[in-house]
Amino acid sequence: MKWAHFNNEISGYIDFTKIYQPSGSGVVYAARTIQMEKDTDVKIGIGSNDGVRMWVNSKLVLDHKIARKAEPNQEIITVHFKKGENMILLKIDQLGGGWGFYYTIL
């Protein structure tokens, strides 16, 4: 597998079933970088189908093992971004059926 760029400006949902056509359980990682002009705390909304883990600058900030349909802002967390480049890494589990996530800076 390799990294690929995806964006959905209509709903914000990244639908892995249209990209990977899963045949069972699995995981996908999604990453993005964000530049900040100063240190700041930011609220982020995550919705996932199914479980989700999220790291910010290599620090685990969300770990929710669950089977569910993705909806926007199922998890709302506050994370600290440092001045400069910040790396966000998401792990989305696939347990069957739909598979994808929402990510929103609130």
N, C-alpha and C. Protein backbone atom coordinates (compact mmCIF):
# COMPACT_ATOMS: atom_id res chain seq x y z
N MET A 1 0.85 -1.17 0.00
CA MET A 1 0.00 0.00 0.00
C MET A 1 0.90 1.24 0.00
N LYS A 2 0.32 2.35 -0.45
CA LYS A 2 1.08 3.59 -0.45
C LYS A 2 0.14 4.73 -0.06
N TRP A 3 0.72 5.87 0.29
CA TRP A 3 -0.04 7.05 0.64
C TRP A 3 -0.68 7.62 -0.61
N ALA A 4 -1.91 8.13 -0.48
CA ALA A 4 -2.61 8.78 -1.57
C ALA A 4 -3.36 9.98 -1.00
N HIS A 5 -3.57 11.01 -1.80
CA HIS A 5 -4.27 12.21 -1.36
C HIS A 5 -5.76 12.10 -1.64
N PHE A 6 -6.60 12.38 -0.62
CA PHE A 6 -8.04 12.36 -0.78
C PHE A 6 -8.63 13.56 -0.08
N ASN A 7 -9.71 14.10 -0.64
CA ASN A 7 -10.39 15.24 -0.07
C ASN A 7 -11.86 15.17 -0.48
N ASN A 8 -12.76 15.51 0.44
CA ASN A 8 -14.18 15.57 0.14
C ASN A 8 -14.70 16.89 0.68
N GLU A 9 -14.79 17.89 -0.18
CA GLU A 9 -15.21 19.21 0.27
C GLU A 9 -16.73 19.34 0.35
N ILE A 10 -17.48 18.35 -0.10
CA ILE A 10 -18.93 18.42 -0.02
C ILE A 10 -19.42 18.01 1.37
N SER A 11 -19.12 16.80 1.79
CA SER A 11 -19.59 16.33 3.11
C SER A 11 -18.46 16.23 4.13
N GLY A 12 -17.20 16.18 3.69
CA GLY A 12 -16.09 15.99 4.60
C GLY A 12 -15.83 14.54 4.95
N TYR A 13 -16.65 13.63 4.43
CA TYR A 13 -16.49 12.21 4.74
C TYR A 13 -15.52 11.56 3.77
N ILE A 14 -14.53 10.88 4.30
CA ILE A 14 -13.61 10.10 3.48
C ILE A 14 -14.10 8.65 3.53
N ASP A 15 -14.55 8.14 2.39
CA ASP A 15 -15.18 6.83 2.30
C ASP A 15 -14.17 5.81 1.77
N PHE A 16 -13.62 5.01 2.68
CA PHE A 16 -12.62 4.02 2.29
C PHE A 16 -13.20 2.87 1.47
N THR A 17 -14.52 2.61 1.58
CA THR A 17 -15.08 1.51 0.79
C THR A 17 -15.02 1.81 -0.70
N LYS A 18 -15.02 3.08 -1.08
CA LYS A 18 -14.90 3.45 -2.49
C LYS A 18 -13.45 3.43 -2.97
N ILE A 19 -12.53 3.47 -2.03
CA ILE A 19 -11.11 3.51 -2.37
C ILE A 19 -10.50 2.10 -2.36
N TYR A 20 -10.81 1.32 -1.32
CA TYR A 20 -10.12 0.04 -1.11
C TYR A 20 -10.98 -1.20 -1.32
N GLN A 21 -12.30 -1.11 -1.41
CA GLN A 21 -13.18 -2.26 -1.53
C GLN A 21 -12.79 -3.38 -0.56
N PRO A 22 -13.03 -3.16 0.74
CA PRO A 22 -12.61 -4.16 1.74
C PRO A 22 -13.36 -5.48 1.61
N SER A 23 -12.69 -6.54 1.95
CA SER A 23 -13.31 -7.87 1.90
C SER A 23 -13.40 -8.48 3.29
N GLY A 24 -13.21 -7.70 4.32
CA GLY A 24 -13.26 -8.18 5.70
C GLY A 24 -12.79 -7.08 6.62
N SER A 25 -12.18 -7.47 7.73
CA SER A 25 -11.69 -6.47 8.68
C SER A 25 -10.32 -5.96 8.26
N GLY A 26 -9.94 -4.80 8.78
CA GLY A 26 -8.65 -4.21 8.46
C GLY A 26 -8.52 -2.83 9.08
N VAL A 27 -7.48 -2.12 8.74
CA VAL A 27 -7.27 -0.75 9.21
C VAL A 27 -6.70 0.09 8.07
N VAL A 28 -6.96 1.39 8.14
CA VAL A 28 -6.35 2.36 7.24
C VAL A 28 -5.84 3.51 8.09
N TYR A 29 -4.69 4.04 7.70
CA TYR A 29 -4.13 5.22 8.35
C TYR A 29 -4.32 6.42 7.46
N ALA A 30 -4.65 7.55 8.05
CA ALA A 30 -4.78 8.82 7.34
C ALA A 30 -3.92 9.84 8.08
N ALA A 31 -3.21 10.67 7.32
CA ALA A 31 -2.32 11.65 7.94
C ALA A 31 -2.48 13.01 7.29
N ARG A 32 -2.22 14.04 8.06
CA ARG A 32 -2.17 15.40 7.52
C ARG A 32 -1.32 16.25 8.43
N THR A 33 -0.76 17.30 7.87
CA THR A 33 0.00 18.26 8.65
C THR A 33 -0.75 19.58 8.68
N ILE A 34 -0.60 20.28 9.79
CA ILE A 34 -1.22 21.59 9.97
C ILE A 34 -0.15 22.55 10.48
N GLN A 35 -0.07 23.71 9.85
CA GLN A 35 0.85 24.76 10.28
C GLN A 35 0.13 25.70 11.24
N MET A 36 0.75 26.02 12.35
CA MET A 36 0.17 26.95 13.31
C MET A 36 1.14 28.12 13.50
N GLU A 37 0.59 29.32 13.62
CA GLU A 37 1.41 30.52 13.81
C GLU A 37 1.88 30.66 15.26
N LYS A 38 1.15 29.99 16.20
CA LYS A 38 1.54 30.03 17.61
C LYS A 38 1.00 28.79 18.31
N ASP A 39 1.51 28.50 19.49
CA ASP A 39 0.98 27.40 20.30
C ASP A 39 -0.49 27.70 20.60
N THR A 40 -1.34 26.69 20.44
CA THR A 40 -2.77 26.90 20.70
C THR A 40 -3.47 25.58 20.94
N ASP A 41 -4.56 25.61 21.70
CA ASP A 41 -5.42 24.45 21.88
C ASP A 41 -6.55 24.54 20.87
N VAL A 42 -6.88 23.41 20.25
CA VAL A 42 -7.86 23.37 19.17
C VAL A 42 -8.85 22.24 19.44
N LYS A 43 -10.15 22.52 19.22
CA LYS A 43 -11.17 21.48 19.31
C LYS A 43 -11.28 20.81 17.95
N ILE A 44 -11.28 19.48 17.97
CA ILE A 44 -11.39 18.68 16.75
C ILE A 44 -12.57 17.73 16.91
N GLY A 45 -13.38 17.63 15.86
CA GLY A 45 -14.48 16.67 15.83
C GLY A 45 -14.12 15.51 14.92
N ILE A 46 -14.32 14.30 15.42
CA ILE A 46 -14.03 13.08 14.66
C ILE A 46 -15.29 12.22 14.64
N GLY A 47 -15.60 11.67 13.49
CA GLY A 47 -16.64 10.67 13.37
C GLY A 47 -16.04 9.49 12.62
N SER A 48 -16.30 8.28 13.08
CA SER A 48 -15.62 7.14 12.45
C SER A 48 -16.52 5.92 12.32
N ASN A 49 -16.23 5.13 11.31
CA ASN A 49 -16.84 3.84 11.08
C ASN A 49 -15.69 2.88 10.80
N ASP A 50 -15.18 2.21 11.68
CA ASP A 50 -15.64 1.86 13.02
C ASP A 50 -14.74 2.56 14.06
N GLY A 51 -13.88 1.81 14.75
CA GLY A 51 -13.05 2.39 15.80
C GLY A 51 -12.04 3.39 15.26
N VAL A 52 -11.50 4.22 16.17
CA VAL A 52 -10.58 5.28 15.78
C VAL A 52 -9.50 5.48 16.84
N ARG A 53 -8.30 5.72 16.36
CA ARG A 53 -7.17 6.19 17.18
C ARG A 53 -6.63 7.43 16.51
N MET A 54 -6.20 8.40 17.31
CA MET A 54 -5.63 9.62 16.75
C MET A 54 -4.42 10.04 17.56
N TRP A 55 -3.36 10.37 16.81
CA TRP A 55 -2.13 10.88 17.40
C TRP A 55 -1.90 12.30 16.89
N VAL A 56 -1.43 13.18 17.76
CA VAL A 56 -1.00 14.51 17.36
C VAL A 56 0.45 14.64 17.80
N ASN A 57 1.33 14.86 16.84
CA ASN A 57 2.77 14.95 17.11
C ASN A 57 3.26 13.75 17.92
N SER A 58 2.85 12.56 17.51
CA SER A 58 3.24 11.27 18.09
C SER A 58 2.63 10.99 19.46
N LYS A 59 1.74 11.84 19.95
CA LYS A 59 1.09 11.62 21.24
C LYS A 59 -0.33 11.12 20.99
N LEU A 60 -0.68 9.96 21.58
CA LEU A 60 -2.01 9.40 21.45
C LEU A 60 -3.00 10.30 22.19
N VAL A 61 -4.00 10.83 21.45
CA VAL A 61 -4.98 11.74 22.06
C VAL A 61 -6.41 11.19 22.01
N LEU A 62 -6.63 10.11 21.25
CA LEU A 62 -7.95 9.49 21.15
C LEU A 62 -7.78 8.02 20.86
N ASP A 63 -8.52 7.20 21.59
CA ASP A 63 -8.50 5.74 21.37
C ASP A 63 -9.89 5.21 21.70
N HIS A 64 -10.70 4.95 20.69
CA HIS A 64 -12.06 4.48 20.91
C HIS A 64 -12.32 3.27 20.02
N LYS A 65 -12.35 2.10 20.66
CA LYS A 65 -12.65 0.86 19.95
C LYS A 65 -14.16 0.68 19.99
N ILE A 66 -14.78 0.73 18.80
CA ILE A 66 -16.23 0.69 18.74
C ILE A 66 -16.68 0.25 17.35
N ALA A 67 -17.85 -0.36 17.28
CA ALA A 67 -18.49 -0.67 15.99
C ALA A 67 -19.64 0.31 15.85
N ARG A 68 -19.59 1.17 14.83
CA ARG A 68 -20.64 2.17 14.66
C ARG A 68 -20.63 2.74 13.24
N LYS A 69 -21.71 3.41 12.90
CA LYS A 69 -21.80 4.17 11.66
C LYS A 69 -21.19 5.55 11.91
N ALA A 70 -20.43 6.05 10.97
CA ALA A 70 -19.79 7.36 11.14
C ALA A 70 -20.81 8.49 11.02
N GLU A 71 -20.74 9.41 11.94
CA GLU A 71 -21.50 10.66 11.92
C GLU A 71 -20.51 11.77 12.30
N PRO A 72 -20.71 12.99 11.82
CA PRO A 72 -19.81 14.07 12.20
C PRO A 72 -19.79 14.30 13.71
N ASN A 73 -18.61 14.57 14.23
CA ASN A 73 -18.41 15.00 15.62
C ASN A 73 -18.89 14.00 16.68
N GLN A 74 -18.71 12.70 16.43
CA GLN A 74 -19.03 11.71 17.45
C GLN A 74 -18.08 11.84 18.64
N GLU A 75 -16.88 12.24 18.37
CA GLU A 75 -15.90 12.51 19.41
C GLU A 75 -15.48 13.97 19.24
N ILE A 76 -15.50 14.73 20.29
CA ILE A 76 -14.99 16.10 20.26
C ILE A 76 -13.90 16.18 21.32
N ILE A 77 -12.68 16.47 20.87
CA ILE A 77 -11.55 16.52 21.79
C ILE A 77 -10.81 17.85 21.60
N THR A 78 -10.11 18.26 22.63
CA THR A 78 -9.25 19.44 22.56
C THR A 78 -7.82 18.95 22.55
N VAL A 79 -7.05 19.38 21.55
CA VAL A 79 -5.65 18.97 21.44
C VAL A 79 -4.77 20.22 21.39
N HIS A 80 -3.52 20.04 21.78
CA HIS A 80 -2.56 21.14 21.77
C HIS A 80 -1.73 21.07 20.49
N PHE A 81 -1.75 22.14 19.72
CA PHE A 81 -0.88 22.28 18.56
C PHE A 81 0.23 23.25 18.92
N LYS A 82 1.43 22.90 18.55
CA LYS A 82 2.58 23.76 18.78
C LYS A 82 2.75 24.73 17.61
N LYS A 83 3.53 25.76 17.82
CA LYS A 83 3.86 26.67 16.74
C LYS A 83 4.65 25.89 15.68
N GLY A 84 4.31 26.11 14.40
CA GLY A 84 4.98 25.41 13.32
C GLY A 84 4.16 24.24 12.83
N GLU A 85 4.85 23.22 12.33
CA GLU A 85 4.20 22.06 11.73
C GLU A 85 3.74 21.06 12.78
N ASN A 86 2.51 20.57 12.64
CA ASN A 86 1.92 19.57 13.52
C ASN A 86 1.44 18.41 12.67
N MET A 87 1.77 17.19 13.07
CA MET A 87 1.39 15.98 12.33
C MET A 87 0.22 15.30 13.04
N ILE A 88 -0.83 15.03 12.28
CA ILE A 88 -2.00 14.31 12.78
C ILE A 88 -2.05 12.97 12.05
N LEU A 89 -2.20 11.89 12.82
CA LEU A 89 -2.30 10.55 12.26
C LEU A 89 -3.55 9.89 12.83
N LEU A 90 -4.40 9.39 11.94
CA LEU A 90 -5.61 8.67 12.32
C LEU A 90 -5.51 7.22 11.89
N LYS A 91 -6.03 6.34 12.72
CA LYS A 91 -6.17 4.91 12.38
C LYS A 91 -7.65 4.60 12.45
N ILE A 92 -8.22 4.12 11.35
CA ILE A 92 -9.65 3.80 11.29
C ILE A 92 -9.80 2.30 11.08
N ASP A 93 -10.52 1.64 12.00
CA ASP A 93 -10.74 0.19 11.93
C ASP A 93 -11.88 -0.14 10.99
N GLN A 94 -11.83 -1.32 10.40
CA GLN A 94 -12.91 -1.85 9.56
C GLN A 94 -13.38 -3.16 10.16
N LEU A 95 -14.65 -3.19 10.58
CA LEU A 95 -15.22 -4.42 11.15
C LEU A 95 -16.27 -5.02 10.23
N GLY A 96 -16.54 -4.37 9.10
CA GLY A 96 -17.56 -4.83 8.16
C GLY A 96 -18.50 -3.69 7.83
N GLY A 97 -19.11 -3.73 6.66
CA GLY A 97 -20.04 -2.68 6.25
C GLY A 97 -19.31 -1.42 5.85
N GLY A 98 -19.85 -0.26 6.25
CA GLY A 98 -19.23 1.02 5.92
C GLY A 98 -17.87 1.18 6.56
N TRP A 99 -17.06 2.12 5.99
CA TRP A 99 -15.70 2.30 6.49
C TRP A 99 -15.21 3.67 6.06
N GLY A 100 -14.99 4.54 7.03
CA GLY A 100 -14.50 5.87 6.71
C GLY A 100 -14.51 6.77 7.93
N PHE A 101 -14.32 8.08 7.70
CA PHE A 101 -14.26 9.01 8.82
C PHE A 101 -14.59 10.44 8.41
N TYR A 102 -14.99 11.21 9.42
CA TYR A 102 -15.13 12.68 9.33
C TYR A 102 -14.05 13.28 10.20
N TYR A 103 -13.50 14.41 9.80
CA TYR A 103 -12.49 15.16 10.56
C TYR A 103 -12.80 16.63 10.40
N THR A 104 -13.02 17.33 11.52
CA THR A 104 -13.37 18.74 11.46
C THR A 104 -12.63 19.50 12.54
N ILE A 105 -12.02 20.62 12.17
CA ILE A 105 -11.49 21.55 13.17
C ILE A 105 -12.65 22.47 13.52
N LEU A 106 -13.03 22.47 14.79
CA LEU A 106 -14.25 23.21 15.21
C LEU A 106 -13.95 24.65 15.59
